Amino acid sequence: MATKRVFIVHDEFGQIVSISRPAEGVDVEVLSDSGHSVFETDVDEDSISELVNTHRVDVSRRTLARY
């Protein structure tokens, strides 16, 4: 399983709003609206499409947490 760097935009409760997966070697700046934050992490590439439905960002621990 290959891991991929992703940028996850989430609200103050950790609910995922969007996920960006940049191409290798591309510098990325992810912007968010007021009330949202960006969390950068590495995840299994095959699980990226399911993260919105199965995970949230644990804001206090700065990790992904399964529902």
N, C-alpha and C. Protein backbone atom coordinates (compact mmCIF):
# COMPACT_ATOMS: atom_id res chain seq x y z
N MET A 1 0.84 -1.18 0.00
CA MET A 1 0.00 0.00 0.00
C MET A 1 0.88 1.25 0.00
N ALA A 2 0.66 2.08 -0.97
CA ALA A 2 1.41 3.33 -1.08
C ALA A 2 0.72 4.43 -0.28
N THR A 3 1.53 5.24 0.36
CA THR A 3 0.96 6.38 1.07
C THR A 3 1.08 7.62 0.21
N LYS A 4 0.21 8.56 0.46
CA LYS A 4 0.14 9.78 -0.31
C LYS A 4 -0.06 10.95 0.63
N ARG A 5 0.60 12.07 0.37
CA ARG A 5 0.42 13.30 1.14
C ARG A 5 -0.89 13.93 0.73
N VAL A 6 -1.74 14.26 1.71
CA VAL A 6 -3.01 14.91 1.43
C VAL A 6 -3.16 16.12 2.34
N PHE A 7 -4.00 17.05 1.90
CA PHE A 7 -4.34 18.23 2.66
C PHE A 7 -5.84 18.17 2.90
N ILE A 8 -6.23 18.14 4.17
CA ILE A 8 -7.63 17.97 4.54
C ILE A 8 -8.15 19.27 5.14
N VAL A 9 -9.17 19.83 4.51
CA VAL A 9 -9.84 21.02 5.05
C VAL A 9 -10.96 20.51 5.95
N HIS A 10 -11.01 21.03 7.19
CA HIS A 10 -12.01 20.58 8.15
C HIS A 10 -12.56 21.75 8.94
N ASP A 11 -13.74 21.53 9.55
CA ASP A 11 -14.32 22.57 10.39
C ASP A 11 -13.79 22.46 11.81
N GLU A 12 -14.29 23.29 12.71
CA GLU A 12 -13.79 23.34 14.08
C GLU A 12 -14.08 22.07 14.87
N PHE A 13 -15.01 21.25 14.38
CA PHE A 13 -15.35 19.99 15.04
C PHE A 13 -14.64 18.79 14.43
N GLY A 14 -13.83 19.03 13.39
CA GLY A 14 -13.08 17.96 12.75
C GLY A 14 -13.77 17.34 11.55
N GLN A 15 -14.97 17.81 11.21
CA GLN A 15 -15.67 17.26 10.05
C GLN A 15 -14.93 17.65 8.78
N ILE A 16 -14.64 16.68 7.94
CA ILE A 16 -13.89 16.91 6.72
C ILE A 16 -14.76 17.62 5.69
N VAL A 17 -14.24 18.72 5.16
CA VAL A 17 -14.93 19.51 4.15
C VAL A 17 -14.42 19.14 2.75
N SER A 18 -13.09 18.99 2.62
CA SER A 18 -12.51 18.61 1.34
C SER A 18 -11.13 18.00 1.55
N ILE A 19 -10.68 17.26 0.53
CA ILE A 19 -9.37 16.63 0.57
C ILE A 19 -8.67 16.95 -0.75
N SER A 20 -7.43 17.45 -0.66
CA SER A 20 -6.63 17.73 -1.85
C SER A 20 -5.45 16.78 -1.87
N ARG A 21 -5.20 16.22 -3.05
CA ARG A 21 -4.09 15.29 -3.23
C ARG A 21 -3.23 15.81 -4.37
N PRO A 22 -2.16 16.54 -4.06
CA PRO A 22 -1.33 17.12 -5.13
C PRO A 22 -0.48 16.06 -5.83
N ALA A 23 -0.09 16.36 -7.05
CA ALA A 23 0.81 15.48 -7.80
C ALA A 23 2.19 15.52 -7.17
N GLU A 24 2.96 14.48 -7.35
CA GLU A 24 4.32 14.41 -6.81
C GLU A 24 5.15 15.58 -7.31
N GLY A 25 5.92 16.18 -6.42
CA GLY A 25 6.83 17.26 -6.80
C GLY A 25 6.18 18.61 -7.00
N VAL A 26 4.89 18.72 -6.71
CA VAL A 26 4.18 19.98 -6.89
C VAL A 26 4.01 20.65 -5.54
N ASP A 27 4.44 21.90 -5.43
CA ASP A 27 4.21 22.66 -4.20
C ASP A 27 2.77 23.13 -4.18
N VAL A 28 2.13 23.00 -3.03
CA VAL A 28 0.71 23.31 -2.92
C VAL A 28 0.48 24.25 -1.75
N GLU A 29 -0.43 25.20 -1.96
CA GLU A 29 -0.91 26.03 -0.87
C GLU A 29 -2.42 25.87 -0.85
N VAL A 30 -2.94 25.31 0.22
CA VAL A 30 -4.37 25.06 0.35
C VAL A 30 -4.97 26.16 1.21
N LEU A 31 -6.00 26.79 0.72
CA LEU A 31 -6.68 27.86 1.45
C LEU A 31 -8.01 27.35 1.99
N SER A 32 -8.44 27.95 3.07
CA SER A 32 -9.72 27.54 3.66
C SER A 32 -10.53 28.77 4.03
N ASP A 33 -11.84 28.58 4.12
CA ASP A 33 -12.75 29.64 4.54
C ASP A 33 -12.63 29.90 6.03
N SER A 34 -13.25 30.96 6.46
CA SER A 34 -13.33 31.29 7.88
C SER A 34 -14.00 30.13 8.62
N GLY A 35 -13.44 29.73 9.75
CA GLY A 35 -13.99 28.62 10.51
C GLY A 35 -13.46 27.27 10.10
N HIS A 36 -12.63 27.22 9.07
CA HIS A 36 -12.04 25.97 8.61
C HIS A 36 -10.53 26.02 8.80
N SER A 37 -9.93 24.85 8.92
CA SER A 37 -8.48 24.72 9.04
C SER A 37 -7.99 23.66 8.07
N VAL A 38 -6.68 23.64 7.83
CA VAL A 38 -6.08 22.66 6.92
C VAL A 38 -5.17 21.74 7.73
N PHE A 39 -5.35 20.45 7.55
CA PHE A 39 -4.55 19.42 8.21
C PHE A 39 -3.79 18.66 7.13
N GLU A 40 -2.48 18.57 7.25
CA GLU A 40 -1.63 17.88 6.27
C GLU A 40 -1.17 16.56 6.88
N THR A 41 -1.32 15.46 6.12
CA THR A 41 -0.93 14.14 6.63
C THR A 41 -0.67 13.18 5.48
N ASP A 42 -0.13 12.03 5.80
CA ASP A 42 0.05 10.95 4.83
C ASP A 42 -0.98 9.87 5.11
N VAL A 43 -1.63 9.38 4.06
CA VAL A 43 -2.63 8.32 4.20
C VAL A 43 -2.44 7.28 3.10
N ASP A 44 -3.02 6.11 3.32
CA ASP A 44 -3.01 5.06 2.31
C ASP A 44 -3.75 5.57 1.07
N GLU A 45 -3.12 5.50 -0.06
CA GLU A 45 -3.69 6.05 -1.30
C GLU A 45 -5.07 5.45 -1.63
N ASP A 46 -5.26 4.19 -1.33
CA ASP A 46 -6.54 3.54 -1.64
C ASP A 46 -7.69 4.00 -0.76
N SER A 47 -7.39 4.63 0.38
CA SER A 47 -8.44 5.04 1.30
C SER A 47 -8.88 6.50 1.14
N ILE A 48 -8.22 7.26 0.29
CA ILE A 48 -8.48 8.70 0.18
C ILE A 48 -9.95 8.98 -0.14
N SER A 49 -10.52 8.26 -1.08
CA SER A 49 -11.90 8.55 -1.50
C SER A 49 -12.92 8.27 -0.41
N GLU A 50 -12.58 7.45 0.57
CA GLU A 50 -13.52 7.09 1.64
C GLU A 50 -13.37 7.93 2.90
N LEU A 51 -12.31 8.72 3.02
CA LEU A 51 -12.04 9.45 4.25
C LEU A 51 -13.18 10.36 4.67
N VAL A 52 -13.82 11.02 3.72
CA VAL A 52 -14.90 11.95 4.05
C VAL A 52 -16.03 11.24 4.78
N ASN A 53 -16.29 9.99 4.42
CA ASN A 53 -17.39 9.24 5.01
C ASN A 53 -17.02 8.43 6.25
N THR A 54 -15.73 8.22 6.48
CA THR A 54 -15.32 7.30 7.54
C THR A 54 -14.46 7.93 8.63
N HIS A 55 -13.94 9.12 8.40
CA HIS A 55 -13.01 9.72 9.35
C HIS A 55 -13.35 11.18 9.64
N ARG A 56 -12.75 11.67 10.68
CA ARG A 56 -12.78 13.09 11.00
C ARG A 56 -11.39 13.45 11.49
N VAL A 57 -11.09 14.73 11.60
CA VAL A 57 -9.83 15.18 12.14
C VAL A 57 -10.01 15.36 13.65
N ASP A 58 -9.17 14.69 14.43
CA ASP A 58 -9.17 14.91 15.88
C ASP A 58 -8.38 16.19 16.09
N VAL A 59 -9.08 17.28 16.29
CA VAL A 59 -8.47 18.61 16.33
C VAL A 59 -7.45 18.72 17.46
N SER A 60 -7.75 18.18 18.62
CA SER A 60 -6.84 18.32 19.75
C SER A 60 -5.57 17.49 19.59
N ARG A 61 -5.67 16.35 18.93
CA ARG A 61 -4.49 15.48 18.73
C ARG A 61 -3.83 15.64 17.38
N ARG A 62 -4.48 16.39 16.49
CA ARG A 62 -3.98 16.60 15.12
C ARG A 62 -3.71 15.26 14.42
N THR A 63 -4.72 14.38 14.44
CA THR A 63 -4.65 13.09 13.77
C THR A 63 -6.00 12.82 13.11
N LEU A 64 -6.03 11.81 12.26
CA LEU A 64 -7.29 11.33 11.70
C LEU A 64 -7.89 10.31 12.64
N ALA A 65 -9.19 10.37 12.85
CA ALA A 65 -9.88 9.42 13.72
C ALA A 65 -11.04 8.81 12.95
N ARG A 66 -11.18 7.51 13.09
CA ARG A 66 -12.30 6.79 12.45
C ARG A 66 -13.55 7.08 13.24
N TYR A 67 -14.69 7.23 12.57
CA TYR A 67 -15.98 7.42 13.27
C TYR A 67 -16.28 6.25 14.13
